[in-house]
Amino acid sequence: MSNLSRRTLAALIAAAALLPGAAFAADALKEIRIDWATYNPVSMILKQKGLLEKEFAKDGIGIVWV
C-alpha cells in the first residue's frame, strides 16, 4: 500500500488545482462600491466625512456610494 494517506492525496490535488490561478494577476482596482443606509451610523459617518475617499485617493481608487 502507498505511504500517502487519502487526506495527503486530497491536499496535493487541491494545491495543484490552485497553482495555475496564482500565476495570473488581477486587474488594478479602480473603484469600490459601498452600500450605505440611514439606519447604520458607521456608514453615515464614513460617507459624510469622506474618510474612505481620502484614504483610497492615495492609491487612485474611487469610492462610489450606492
C-alpha atoms as a PDB file:
ATOM      1  CA  MET A   1       0.000   0.000   0.000  1.00  0.00           C
ATOM      2  CA  SER A   2       1.150   3.557  -0.666  1.00  0.00           C
ATOM      3  CA  ASN A   3       2.624   5.822   2.013  1.00  0.00           C
ATOM      4  CA  LEU A   4       0.205   8.621   1.043  1.00  0.00           C
ATOM      5  CA  SER A   5      -2.979   8.895   3.036  1.00  0.00           C
ATOM      6  CA  ARG A   6      -6.242   9.960   1.458  1.00  0.00           C
ATOM      7  CA  ARG A   7      -6.006  13.291   3.265  1.00  0.00           C
ATOM      8  CA  THR A   8      -2.494  13.957   1.925  1.00  0.00           C
ATOM      9  CA  LEU A   9      -3.539  12.996  -1.582  1.00  0.00           C
ATOM     10  CA  ALA A  10      -6.571  15.298  -1.389  1.00  0.00           C
ATOM     11  CA  ALA A  11      -4.375  18.164  -0.156  1.00  0.00           C
ATOM     12  CA  LEU A  12      -1.934  17.643  -3.039  1.00  0.00           C
ATOM     13  CA  ILE A  13      -4.757  17.643  -5.594  1.00  0.00           C
ATOM     14  CA  ALA A  14      -6.259  20.805  -4.092  1.00  0.00           C
ATOM     15  CA  ALA A  15      -2.898  22.585  -4.114  1.00  0.00           C
ATOM     16  CA  ALA A  16      -2.255  21.563  -7.722  1.00  0.00           C
ATOM     17  CA  ALA A  17      -5.676  22.875  -8.746  1.00  0.00           C
ATOM     18  CA  LEU A  18      -4.989  26.273  -7.170  1.00  0.00           C
ATOM     19  CA  LEU A  19      -1.481  26.831  -8.523  1.00  0.00           C
ATOM     20  CA  PRO A  20      -2.383  27.818 -12.113  1.00  0.00           C
ATOM     21  CA  GLY A  21      -4.747  30.531 -10.820  1.00  0.00           C
ATOM     22  CA  ALA A  22      -1.990  32.129  -8.760  1.00  0.00           C
ATOM     23  CA  ALA A  23       0.064  32.801 -11.880  1.00  0.00           C
ATOM     24  CA  PHE A  24      -2.380  35.435 -13.186  1.00  0.00           C
ATOM     25  CA  ALA A  25      -2.513  38.864 -11.552  1.00  0.00           C
ATOM     26  CA  ALA A  26      -5.831  40.627 -11.140  1.00  0.00           C
ATOM     27  CA  ASP A  27      -6.517  43.960 -12.816  1.00  0.00           C
ATOM     28  CA  ALA A  28      -5.749  47.035 -10.748  1.00  0.00           C
ATOM     29  CA  LEU A  29      -8.642  48.157  -8.567  1.00  0.00           C
ATOM     30  CA  LYS A  30     -10.129  51.454  -9.790  1.00  0.00           C
ATOM     31  CA  GLU A  31     -13.380  51.752  -7.873  1.00  0.00           C
ATOM     32  CA  ILE A  32     -15.047  50.414  -4.727  1.00  0.00           C
ATOM     33  CA  ARG A  33     -18.849  50.397  -4.487  1.00  0.00           C
ATOM     34  CA  ILE A  34     -20.198  50.615  -0.945  1.00  0.00           C
ATOM     35  CA  ASP A  35     -23.779  50.303   0.182  1.00  0.00           C
ATOM     36  CA  TRP A  36     -24.880  52.681   2.921  1.00  0.00           C
ATOM     37  CA  ALA A  37     -28.062  53.110   4.913  1.00  0.00           C
ATOM     38  CA  THR A  38     -29.566  55.781   7.149  1.00  0.00           C
ATOM     39  CA  TYR A  39     -30.008  53.222   9.953  1.00  0.00           C
ATOM     40  CA  ASN A  40     -26.280  52.437  10.011  1.00  0.00           C
ATOM     41  CA  PRO A  41     -24.411  55.219  11.877  1.00  0.00           C
ATOM     42  CA  VAL A  42     -20.986  53.966  10.809  1.00  0.00           C
ATOM     43  CA  SER A  43     -21.776  54.156   7.097  1.00  0.00           C
ATOM     44  CA  MET A  44     -23.361  57.594   7.552  1.00  0.00           C
ATOM     45  CA  ILE A  45     -20.257  58.989   9.258  1.00  0.00           C
ATOM     46  CA  LEU A  46     -17.907  57.456   6.700  1.00  0.00           C
ATOM     47  CA  LYS A  47     -19.937  58.968   3.881  1.00  0.00           C
ATOM     48  CA  GLN A  48     -20.437  62.414   5.448  1.00  0.00           C
ATOM     49  CA  LYS A  49     -16.797  62.906   6.412  1.00  0.00           C
ATOM     50  CA  GLY A  50     -15.391  61.351   3.239  1.00  0.00           C
ATOM     51  CA  LEU A  51     -12.968  59.194   5.214  1.00  0.00           C
ATOM     52  CA  LEU A  52     -12.865  56.372   2.690  1.00  0.00           C
ATOM     53  CA  GLU A  53     -12.455  58.755  -0.231  1.00  0.00           C
ATOM     54  CA  LYS A  54      -9.457  60.386   1.458  1.00  0.00           C
ATOM     55  CA  GLU A  55      -7.793  57.097   2.305  1.00  0.00           C
ATOM     56  CA  PHE A  56      -8.264  55.399  -1.055  1.00  0.00           C
ATOM     57  CA  ALA A  57      -7.445  58.527  -3.084  1.00  0.00           C
ATOM     58  CA  LYS A  58      -3.801  57.907  -2.160  1.00  0.00           C
ATOM     59  CA  ASP A  59      -3.931  54.739  -4.269  1.00  0.00           C
ATOM     60  CA  GLY A  60      -6.019  56.230  -7.067  1.00  0.00           C
ATOM     61  CA  ILE A  61      -9.128  54.246  -6.101  1.00  0.00           C
ATOM     62  CA  GLY A  62     -12.540  55.924  -6.221  1.00  0.00           C
ATOM     63  CA  ILE A  63     -15.399  55.276  -3.804  1.00  0.00           C
ATOM     64  CA  VAL A  64     -18.984  55.062  -5.087  1.00  0.00           C
ATOM     65  CA  TRP A  65     -21.794  55.085  -2.534  1.00  0.00           C
ATOM     66  CA  VAL A  66     -24.889  53.161  -3.644  1.00  0.00           C
END
